[in-house]
């Protein structure tokens, strides 16, 4: 049989490229998502709660007469 008339037995390139692109893009998205989730919050975000003067007076009124633990 002539080599030119023989059918090719391998998969076309387009059937291999699609899954590889999907795998690579999934890995990139997973890496970016992991990086964003693992970042520590900025020091400004860690600042304590800021109470208004009225709220601070109300809170101090709750603790009057109670010993500190």
C-alpha atoms as a PDB file:
ATOM      1  CA  UNK A   1       0.000   0.000   0.000  1.00  0.00           C
ATOM      2  CA  UNK A   2       1.235   3.444  -0.822  1.00  0.00           C
ATOM      3  CA  UNK A   3       2.179   5.731   2.105  1.00  0.00           C
ATOM      4  CA  UNK A   4       0.144   8.612   0.654  1.00  0.00           C
ATOM      5  CA  UNK A   5      -3.098   6.613   0.722  1.00  0.00           C
ATOM      6  CA  UNK A   6      -2.655   5.303   4.263  1.00  0.00           C
ATOM      7  CA  UNK A   7      -4.911   7.016   6.863  1.00  0.00           C
ATOM      8  CA  UNK A   8      -3.317   8.831   9.725  1.00  0.00           C
ATOM      9  CA  UNK A   9      -3.925   7.027  13.056  1.00  0.00           C
ATOM     10  CA  UNK A  10      -3.027   9.864  15.467  1.00  0.00           C
ATOM     11  CA  UNK A  11      -5.391  12.428  16.963  1.00  0.00           C
ATOM     12  CA  UNK A  12      -5.565  15.817  15.288  1.00  0.00           C
ATOM     13  CA  UNK A  13      -3.619  18.580  17.003  1.00  0.00           C
ATOM     14  CA  UNK A  14      -6.779  20.558  17.841  1.00  0.00           C
ATOM     15  CA  UNK A  15      -7.992  17.740  20.096  1.00  0.00           C
ATOM     16  CA  UNK A  16      -4.833  18.047  22.195  1.00  0.00           C
ATOM     17  CA  UNK A  17      -4.545  21.834  22.316  1.00  0.00           C
ATOM     18  CA  UNK A  18      -7.998  22.531  23.812  1.00  0.00           C
ATOM     19  CA  UNK A  19      -7.609  20.453  26.987  1.00  0.00           C
ATOM     20  CA  UNK A  20      -4.066  21.715  27.487  1.00  0.00           C
ATOM     21  CA  UNK A  21      -5.237  25.329  27.262  1.00  0.00           C
ATOM     22  CA  UNK A  22      -8.042  24.617  29.717  1.00  0.00           C
ATOM     23  CA  UNK A  23      -5.635  22.923  32.118  1.00  0.00           C
ATOM     24  CA  UNK A  24      -3.107  25.758  31.929  1.00  0.00           C
ATOM     25  CA  UNK A  25      -5.740  28.467  32.380  1.00  0.00           C
ATOM     26  CA  UNK A  26      -7.222  26.610  35.349  1.00  0.00           C
ATOM     27  CA  UNK A  27      -3.791  26.390  36.951  1.00  0.00           C
ATOM     28  CA  UNK A  28      -3.211  30.110  36.433  1.00  0.00           C
ATOM     29  CA  UNK A  29      -6.617  31.037  37.860  1.00  0.00           C
ATOM     30  CA  UNK A  30      -6.050  28.706  40.813  1.00  0.00           C
ATOM     31  CA  UNK A  31      -2.652  30.262  41.488  1.00  0.00           C
ATOM     32  CA  UNK A  32      -4.019  33.790  41.366  1.00  0.00           C
ATOM     33  CA  UNK A  33      -6.933  32.878  43.620  1.00  0.00           C
ATOM     34  CA  UNK A  34      -4.608  31.191  46.130  1.00  0.00           C
ATOM     35  CA  UNK A  35      -2.308  34.210  46.102  1.00  0.00           C
ATOM     36  CA  UNK A  36      -5.187  36.627  46.739  1.00  0.00           C
ATOM     37  CA  UNK A  37      -6.638  34.498  49.534  1.00  0.00           C
ATOM     38  CA  UNK A  38      -3.286  33.968  51.244  1.00  0.00           C
ATOM     39  CA  UNK A  39      -2.308  37.644  51.349  1.00  0.00           C
ATOM     40  CA  UNK A  40      -2.229  39.116  54.813  1.00  0.00           C
ATOM     41  CA  UNK A  41      -4.547  42.040  55.336  1.00  0.00           C
ATOM     42  CA  UNK A  42      -2.927  45.459  55.215  1.00  0.00           C
ATOM     43  CA  UNK A  43      -2.008  47.076  58.550  1.00  0.00           C
ATOM     44  CA  UNK A  44      -4.784  49.635  58.051  1.00  0.00           C
ATOM     45  CA  UNK A  45      -7.352  46.836  57.837  1.00  0.00           C
ATOM     46  CA  UNK A  46      -6.093  45.365  61.128  1.00  0.00           C
ATOM     47  CA  UNK A  47      -6.722  48.579  63.071  1.00  0.00           C
ATOM     48  CA  UNK A  48      -9.087  48.188  65.973  1.00  0.00           C
ATOM     49  CA  UNK A  49     -12.646  49.331  65.997  1.00  0.00           C
ATOM     50  CA  UNK A  50     -13.134  53.079  66.299  1.00  0.00           C
ATOM     51  CA  UNK A  51     -15.902  53.950  68.729  1.00  0.00           C
ATOM     52  CA  UNK A  52     -17.715  57.247  68.776  1.00  0.00           C
ATOM     53  CA  UNK A  53     -17.633  59.276  71.976  1.00  0.00           C
ATOM     54  CA  UNK A  54     -21.272  58.363  72.677  1.00  0.00           C
ATOM     55  CA  UNK A  55     -20.599  54.638  72.199  1.00  0.00           C
ATOM     56  CA  UNK A  56     -17.521  54.801  74.430  1.00  0.00           C
ATOM     57  CA  UNK A  57     -19.541  56.467  77.211  1.00  0.00           C
ATOM     58  CA  UNK A  58     -22.262  53.833  76.894  1.00  0.00           C
ATOM     59  CA  UNK A  59     -19.697  51.041  77.065  1.00  0.00           C
ATOM     60  CA  UNK A  60     -17.993  52.586  80.074  1.00  0.00           C
ATOM     61  CA  UNK A  61     -21.406  52.811  81.745  1.00  0.00           C
ATOM     62  CA  UNK A  62     -21.818  49.048  81.380  1.00  0.00           C
ATOM     63  CA  UNK A  63     -18.527  48.300  83.139  1.00  0.00           C
ATOM     64  CA  UNK A  64     -19.013  50.638  86.132  1.00  0.00           C
ATOM     65  CA  UNK A  65     -18.915  48.572  89.285  1.00  0.00           C
ATOM     66  CA  UNK A  66     -17.734  45.372  87.558  1.00  0.00           C
ATOM     67  CA  UNK A  67     -14.208  44.182  88.412  1.00  0.00           C
ATOM     68  CA  UNK A  68     -11.799  43.730  85.521  1.00  0.00           C
ATOM     69  CA  UNK A  69     -10.995  40.127  84.629  1.00  0.00           C
END
